[in-house]
Amino acid sequence: MIRDDIILMADASGLSFYGMGKDREKFIYYLEAFASLVAKHEREACAKVCEAQDEYGDEQYAAAIRARGQE
């Protein structure tokens, strides 16, 4: 996710109404940190789903999902 995407999502959710006032840059900094944590959690959840597939599970897919966080 890029900064502009995060700001657009904050706008869409109404969150920017509460934080875009006085110290906009500080708010965006913490918003980006929060978005990064959410994305990391989602990647890990998706990787675990791949690993849990008995018949079709493949460590390669789980590793590829986790690697997206390194980009």
PDB file of N, CA and C in Angstrom:
ATOM      1  N   MET A   1       0.846  -1.176   0.000  1.00  0.00           N
ATOM      2  CA  MET A   1       0.000   0.000   0.000  1.00  0.00           C
ATOM      3  C   MET A   1       0.890   1.236   0.000  1.00  0.00           C
ATOM      4  N   ILE A   2       0.454   2.194  -0.732  1.00  0.00           N
ATOM      5  CA  ILE A   2       1.193   3.449  -0.733  1.00  0.00           C
ATOM      6  C   ILE A   2       0.441   4.487   0.094  1.00  0.00           C
ATOM      7  N   ARG A   3       1.150   5.535   0.450  1.00  0.00           N
ATOM      8  CA  ARG A   3       0.605   6.583   1.314  1.00  0.00           C
ATOM      9  C   ARG A   3      -0.729   7.120   0.805  1.00  0.00           C
ATOM     10  N   ASP A   4      -0.826   7.397  -0.493  1.00  0.00           N
ATOM     11  CA  ASP A   4      -2.068   7.929  -1.061  1.00  0.00           C
ATOM     12  C   ASP A   4      -3.232   6.967  -0.884  1.00  0.00           C
ATOM     13  N   ASP A   5      -2.964   5.670  -1.048  1.00  0.00           N
ATOM     14  CA  ASP A   5      -4.018   4.659  -0.846  1.00  0.00           C
ATOM     15  C   ASP A   5      -4.513   4.667   0.601  1.00  0.00           C
ATOM     16  N   ILE A   6      -3.574   4.771   1.534  1.00  0.00           N
ATOM     17  CA  ILE A   6      -3.928   4.775   2.948  1.00  0.00           C
ATOM     18  C   ILE A   6      -4.789   5.991   3.285  1.00  0.00           C
ATOM     19  N   ILE A   7      -4.406   7.149   2.738  1.00  0.00           N
ATOM     20  CA  ILE A   7      -5.174   8.369   2.981  1.00  0.00           C
ATOM     21  C   ILE A   7      -6.576   8.254   2.385  1.00  0.00           C
ATOM     22  N   LEU A   8      -6.676   7.688   1.189  1.00  0.00           N
ATOM     23  CA  LEU A   8      -7.997   7.510   0.566  1.00  0.00           C
ATOM     24  C   LEU A   8      -8.884   6.573   1.394  1.00  0.00           C
ATOM     25  N   MET A   9      -8.288   5.503   1.930  1.00  0.00           N
ATOM     26  CA  MET A   9      -9.064   4.583   2.759  1.00  0.00           C
ATOM     27  C   MET A   9      -9.496   5.250   4.064  1.00  0.00           C
ATOM     28  N   ALA A  10      -8.616   6.073   4.641  1.00  0.00           N
ATOM     29  CA  ALA A  10      -8.990   6.807   5.857  1.00  0.00           C
ATOM     30  C   ALA A  10     -10.147   7.756   5.564  1.00  0.00           C
ATOM     31  N   ASP A  11     -10.106   8.404   4.401  1.00  0.00           N
ATOM     32  CA  ASP A  11     -11.203   9.280   3.992  1.00  0.00           C
ATOM     33  C   ASP A  11     -12.504   8.495   3.846  1.00  0.00           C
ATOM     34  N   ALA A  12     -12.415   7.347   3.165  1.00  0.00           N
ATOM     35  CA  ALA A  12     -13.607   6.536   2.912  1.00  0.00           C
ATOM     36  C   ALA A  12     -14.226   6.013   4.204  1.00  0.00           C
ATOM     37  N   SER A  13     -13.387   5.736   5.203  1.00  0.00           N
ATOM     38  CA  SER A  13     -13.906   5.202   6.458  1.00  0.00           C
ATOM     39  C   SER A  13     -14.385   6.289   7.420  1.00  0.00           C
ATOM     40  N   GLY A  14     -14.061   7.531   7.115  1.00  0.00           N
ATOM     41  CA  GLY A  14     -14.416   8.621   7.998  1.00  0.00           C
ATOM     42  C   GLY A  14     -13.353   8.906   9.044  1.00  0.00           C
ATOM     43  N   LEU A  15     -12.306   8.108   9.084  1.00  0.00           N
ATOM     44  CA  LEU A  15     -11.246   8.267  10.069  1.00  0.00           C
ATOM     45  C   LEU A  15     -10.498   9.585   9.910  1.00  0.00           C
ATOM     46  N   SER A  16     -10.320  10.032   8.697  1.00  0.00           N
ATOM     47  CA  SER A  16      -9.557  11.264   8.473  1.00  0.00           C
ATOM     48  C   SER A  16     -10.247  12.475   9.102  1.00  0.00           C
ATOM     49  N   PHE A  17     -11.543  12.388   9.304  1.00  0.00           N
ATOM     50  CA  PHE A  17     -12.287  13.463   9.956  1.00  0.00           C
ATOM     51  C   PHE A  17     -11.716  13.750  11.343  1.00  0.00           C
ATOM     52  N   TYR A  18     -11.210  12.693  12.006  1.00  0.00           N
ATOM     53  CA  TYR A  18     -10.705  12.828  13.365  1.00  0.00           C
ATOM     54  C   TYR A  18      -9.220  13.165  13.451  1.00  0.00           C
ATOM     55  N   GLY A  19      -8.466  12.946  12.391  1.00  0.00           N
ATOM     56  CA  GLY A  19      -7.031  13.113  12.532  1.00  0.00           C
ATOM     57  C   GLY A  19      -6.336  14.025  11.554  1.00  0.00           C
ATOM     58  N   MET A  20      -7.031  14.570  10.595  1.00  0.00           N
ATOM     59  CA  MET A  20      -6.362  15.357   9.569  1.00  0.00           C
ATOM     60  C   MET A  20      -6.287  16.844   9.908  1.00  0.00           C
ATOM     61  N   GLY A  21      -6.528  17.190  11.138  1.00  0.00           N
ATOM     62  CA  GLY A  21      -6.549  18.599  11.508  1.00  0.00           C
ATOM     63  C   GLY A  21      -5.186  19.169  11.834  1.00  0.00           C
ATOM     64  N   LYS A  22      -4.957  19.373  13.101  1.00  0.00           N
ATOM     65  CA  LYS A  22      -3.814  20.113  13.612  1.00  0.00           C
ATOM     66  C   LYS A  22      -2.449  19.562  13.177  1.00  0.00           C
ATOM     67  N   ASP A  23      -2.201  18.286  13.401  1.00  0.00           N
ATOM     68  CA  ASP A  23      -0.902  17.689  13.081  1.00  0.00           C
ATOM     69  C   ASP A  23      -1.087  16.574  12.055  1.00  0.00           C
ATOM     70  N   ARG A  24      -1.358  16.964  10.836  1.00  0.00           N
ATOM     71  CA  ARG A  24      -1.691  16.030   9.758  1.00  0.00           C
ATOM     72  C   ARG A  24      -0.576  15.015   9.504  1.00  0.00           C
ATOM     73  N   GLU A  25       0.676  15.459   9.471  1.00  0.00           N
ATOM     74  CA  GLU A  25       1.791  14.554   9.173  1.00  0.00           C
ATOM     75  C   GLU A  25       1.959  13.491  10.255  1.00  0.00           C
ATOM     76  N   LYS A  26       1.787  13.861  11.504  1.00  0.00           N
ATOM     77  CA  LYS A  26       1.890  12.894  12.591  1.00  0.00           C
ATOM     78  C   LYS A  26       0.762  11.867  12.496  1.00  0.00           C
ATOM     79  N   PHE A  27      -0.442  12.335  12.187  1.00  0.00           N
ATOM     80  CA  PHE A  27      -1.576  11.436  12.021  1.00  0.00           C
ATOM     81  C   PHE A  27      -1.311  10.443  10.887  1.00  0.00           C
ATOM     82  N   ILE A  28      -0.826  10.936   9.765  1.00  0.00           N
ATOM     83  CA  ILE A  28      -0.555  10.062   8.618  1.00  0.00           C
ATOM     84  C   ILE A  28       0.547   9.064   8.950  1.00  0.00           C
ATOM     85  N   TYR A  29       1.564   9.484   9.691  1.00  0.00           N
ATOM     86  CA  TYR A  29       2.635   8.581  10.108  1.00  0.00           C
ATOM     87  C   TYR A  29       2.054   7.396  10.888  1.00  0.00           C
ATOM     88  N   TYR A  30       1.218   7.681  11.874  1.00  0.00           N
ATOM     89  CA  TYR A  30       0.628   6.613  12.674  1.00  0.00           C
ATOM     90  C   TYR A  30      -0.395   5.800  11.876  1.00  0.00           C
ATOM     91  N   LEU A  31      -1.067   6.435  10.966  1.00  0.00           N
ATOM     92  CA  LEU A  31      -2.011   5.728  10.103  1.00  0.00           C
ATOM     93  C   LEU A  31      -1.276   4.729   9.212  1.00  0.00           C
ATOM     94  N   GLU A  32      -0.130   5.127   8.671  1.00  0.00           N
ATOM     95  CA  GLU A  32       0.677   4.222   7.852  1.00  0.00           C
ATOM     96  C   GLU A  32       1.194   3.050   8.683  1.00  0.00           C
ATOM     97  N   ALA A  33       1.608   3.316   9.908  1.00  0.00           N
ATOM     98  CA  ALA A  33       2.086   2.246  10.787  1.00  0.00           C
ATOM     99  C   ALA A  33       0.967   1.254  11.083  1.00  0.00           C
ATOM    100  N   PHE A  34      -0.230   1.777  11.331  1.00  0.00           N
ATOM    101  CA  PHE A  34      -1.380   0.910  11.584  1.00  0.00           C
ATOM    102  C   PHE A  34      -1.709   0.067  10.349  1.00  0.00           C
ATOM    103  N   ALA A  35      -1.720   0.691   9.182  1.00  0.00           N
ATOM    104  CA  ALA A  35      -2.020  -0.036   7.941  1.00  0.00           C
ATOM    105  C   ALA A  35      -0.988  -1.138   7.699  1.00  0.00           C
ATOM    106  N   SER A  36       0.260  -0.879   8.014  1.00  0.00           N
ATOM    107  CA  SER A  36       1.303  -1.885   7.858  1.00  0.00           C
ATOM    108  C   SER A  36       1.065  -3.086   8.762  1.00  0.00           C
ATOM    109  N   LEU A  37       0.659  -2.838   9.991  1.00  0.00           N
ATOM    110  CA  LEU A  37       0.360  -3.933  10.916  1.00  0.00           C
ATOM    111  C   LEU A  37      -0.834  -4.761  10.456  1.00  0.00           C
ATOM    112  N   VAL A  38      -1.859  -4.092   9.961  1.00  0.00           N
ATOM    113  CA  VAL A  38      -3.041  -4.808   9.459  1.00  0.00           C
ATOM    114  C   VAL A  38      -2.660  -5.671   8.253  1.00  0.00           C
ATOM    115  N   ALA A  39      -1.883  -5.111   7.341  1.00  0.00           N
ATOM    116  CA  ALA A  39      -1.468  -5.867   6.155  1.00  0.00           C
ATOM    117  C   ALA A  39      -0.624  -7.076   6.539  1.00  0.00           C
ATOM    118  N   LYS A  40       0.283  -6.907   7.497  1.00  0.00           N
ATOM    119  CA  LYS A  40       1.117  -8.021   7.964  1.00  0.00           C
ATOM    120  C   LYS A  40       0.249  -9.132   8.554  1.00  0.00           C
ATOM    121  N   HIS A  41      -0.720  -8.755   9.344  1.00  0.00           N
ATOM    122  CA  HIS A  41      -1.626  -9.730   9.952  1.00  0.00           C
ATOM    123  C   HIS A  41      -2.407 -10.486   8.870  1.00  0.00           C
ATOM    124  N   GLU A  42      -2.898  -9.784   7.890  1.00  0.00           N
ATOM    125  CA  GLU A  42      -3.667 -10.422   6.805  1.00  0.00           C
ATOM    126  C   GLU A  42      -2.795 -11.363   5.982  1.00  0.00           C
ATOM    127  N   ARG A  43      -1.559 -10.946   5.677  1.00  0.00           N
ATOM    128  CA  ARG A  43      -0.649 -11.828   4.925  1.00  0.00           C
ATOM    129  C   ARG A  43      -0.405 -13.116   5.691  1.00  0.00           C
ATOM    130  N   GLU A  44      -0.163 -13.000   6.989  1.00  0.00           N
ATOM    131  CA  GLU A  44       0.099 -14.193   7.798  1.00  0.00           C
ATOM    132  C   GLU A  44      -1.129 -15.101   7.845  1.00  0.00           C
ATOM    133  N   ALA A  45      -2.311 -14.516   7.976  1.00  0.00           N
ATOM    134  CA  ALA A  45      -3.541 -15.317   7.986  1.00  0.00           C
ATOM    135  C   ALA A  45      -3.712 -16.059   6.656  1.00  0.00           C
ATOM    136  N   CYS A  46      -3.444 -15.385   5.559  1.00  0.00           N
ATOM    137  CA  CYS A  46      -3.557 -16.029   4.242  1.00  0.00           C
ATOM    138  C   CYS A  46      -2.523 -17.138   4.084  1.00  0.00           C
ATOM    139  N   ALA A  47      -1.303 -16.904   4.546  1.00  0.00           N
ATOM    140  CA  ALA A  47      -0.256 -17.922   4.458  1.00  0.00           C
ATOM    141  C   ALA A  47      -0.635 -19.156   5.271  1.00  0.00           C
ATOM    142  N   LYS A  48      -1.232 -18.962   6.429  1.00  0.00           N
ATOM    143  CA  LYS A  48      -1.649 -20.098   7.262  1.00  0.00           C
ATOM    144  C   LYS A  48      -2.755 -20.900   6.596  1.00  0.00           C
ATOM    145  N   VAL A  49      -3.637 -20.227   5.869  1.00  0.00           N
ATOM    146  CA  VAL A  49      -4.677 -20.945   5.127  1.00  0.00           C
ATOM    147  C   VAL A  49      -4.025 -21.842   4.078  1.00  0.00           C
ATOM    148  N   CYS A  50      -3.025 -21.326   3.391  1.00  0.00           N
ATOM    149  CA  CYS A  50      -2.315 -22.126   2.381  1.00  0.00           C
ATOM    150  C   CYS A  50      -1.656 -23.340   3.025  1.00  0.00           C
ATOM    151  N   GLU A  51      -1.013 -23.145   4.161  1.00  0.00           N
ATOM    152  CA  GLU A  51      -0.328 -24.244   4.828  1.00  0.00           C
ATOM    153  C   GLU A  51      -1.305 -25.293   5.365  1.00  0.00           C
ATOM    154  N   ALA A  52      -2.505 -24.888   5.699  1.00  0.00           N
ATOM    155  CA  ALA A  52      -3.470 -25.791   6.322  1.00  0.00           C
ATOM    156  C   ALA A  52      -4.185 -26.702   5.323  1.00  0.00           C
ATOM    157  N   GLN A  53      -4.033 -26.448   4.054  1.00  0.00           N
ATOM    158  CA  GLN A  53      -4.695 -27.268   3.050  1.00  0.00           C
ATOM    159  C   GLN A  53      -3.998 -28.618   2.958  1.00  0.00           C
ATOM    160  N   ASP A  54      -4.659 -29.649   3.439  1.00  0.00           N
ATOM    161  CA  ASP A  54      -4.045 -30.977   3.470  1.00  0.00           C
ATOM    162  C   ASP A  54      -3.705 -31.489   2.078  1.00  0.00           C
ATOM    163  N   GLU A  55      -4.692 -31.490   1.209  1.00  0.00           N
ATOM    164  CA  GLU A  55      -4.514 -32.092  -0.104  1.00  0.00           C
ATOM    165  C   GLU A  55      -3.762 -31.181  -1.069  1.00  0.00           C
ATOM    166  N   TYR A  56      -4.041 -29.890  -1.014  1.00  0.00           N
ATOM    167  CA  TYR A  56      -3.484 -28.976  -2.003  1.00  0.00           C
ATOM    168  C   TYR A  56      -2.488 -27.982  -1.427  1.00  0.00           C
ATOM    169  N   GLY A  57      -2.243 -28.034  -0.135  1.00  0.00           N
ATOM    170  CA  GLY A  57      -1.358 -27.066   0.511  1.00  0.00           C
ATOM    171  C   GLY A  57       0.039 -27.099  -0.069  1.00  0.00           C
ATOM    172  N   ASP A  58       0.640 -25.959  -0.131  1.00  0.00           N
ATOM    173  CA  ASP A  58       1.967 -25.868  -0.694  1.00  0.00           C
ATOM    174  C   ASP A  58       2.722 -24.758   0.030  1.00  0.00           C
ATOM    175  N   GLU A  59       3.855 -25.104   0.580  1.00  0.00           N
ATOM    176  CA  GLU A  59       4.680 -24.125   1.288  1.00  0.00           C
ATOM    177  C   GLU A  59       5.116 -22.989   0.363  1.00  0.00           C
ATOM    178  N   GLN A  60       5.189 -23.263  -0.921  1.00  0.00           N
ATOM    179  CA  GLN A  60       5.609 -22.251  -1.895  1.00  0.00           C
ATOM    180  C   GLN A  60       4.629 -21.067  -1.907  1.00  0.00           C
ATOM    181  N   TYR A  61       3.346 -21.353  -1.839  1.00  0.00           N
ATOM    182  CA  TYR A  61       2.348 -20.284  -1.833  1.00  0.00           C
ATOM    183  C   TYR A  61       2.418 -19.479  -0.539  1.00  0.00           C
ATOM    184  N   ALA A  62       2.552 -20.173   0.581  1.00  0.00           N
ATOM    185  CA  ALA A  62       2.652 -19.486   1.868  1.00  0.00           C
ATOM    186  C   ALA A  62       3.891 -18.592   1.896  1.00  0.00           C
ATOM    187  N   ALA A  63       5.001 -19.083   1.382  1.00  0.00           N
ATOM    188  CA  ALA A  63       6.240 -18.295   1.344  1.00  0.00           C
ATOM    189  C   ALA A  63       6.092 -17.076   0.438  1.00  0.00           C
ATOM    190  N   ALA A  64       5.395 -17.246  -0.680  1.00  0.00           N
ATOM    191  CA  ALA A  64       5.184 -16.125  -1.600  1.00  0.00           C
ATOM    192  C   ALA A  64       4.330 -15.037  -0.956  1.00  0.00           C
ATOM    193  N   ILE A  65       3.326 -15.444  -0.197  1.00  0.00           N
ATOM    194  CA  ILE A  65       2.467 -14.475   0.497  1.00  0.00           C
ATOM    195  C   ILE A  65       3.285 -13.728   1.547  1.00  0.00           C
ATOM    196  N   ARG A  66       4.065 -14.464   2.310  1.00  0.00           N
ATOM    197  CA  ARG A  66       4.884 -13.798   3.338  1.00  0.00           C
ATOM    198  C   ARG A  66       5.935 -12.880   2.724  1.00  0.00           C
ATOM    199  N   ALA A  67       6.464 -13.242   1.583  1.00  0.00           N
ATOM    200  CA  ALA A  67       7.488 -12.425   0.918  1.00  0.00           C
ATOM    201  C   ALA A  67       6.948 -11.072   0.471  1.00  0.00           C
ATOM    202  N   ARG A  68       5.652 -10.988   0.251  1.00  0.00           N
ATOM    203  CA  ARG A  68       5.081  -9.698  -0.158  1.00  0.00           C
ATOM    204  C   ARG A  68       5.342  -8.598   0.874  1.00  0.00           C
ATOM    205  N   GLY A  69       5.503  -8.977   2.115  1.00  0.00           N
ATOM    206  CA  GLY A  69       5.807  -8.005   3.164  1.00  0.00           C
ATOM    207  C   GLY A  69       7.226  -7.479   3.106  1.00  0.00           C
ATOM    208  N   GLN A  70       8.074  -8.149   2.346  1.00  0.00           N
ATOM    209  CA  GLN A  70       9.463  -7.729   2.231  1.00  0.00           C
ATOM    210  C   GLN A  70       9.690  -6.728   1.104  1.00  0.00           C
ATOM    211  N   GLU A  71       8.660  -6.509   0.291  1.00  0.00           N
ATOM    212  CA  GLU A  71       8.795  -5.611  -0.862  1.00  0.00           C
ATOM    213  C   GLU A  71       8.885  -4.166  -0.444  1.00  0.00           C
TER     214      GLU A  71
END
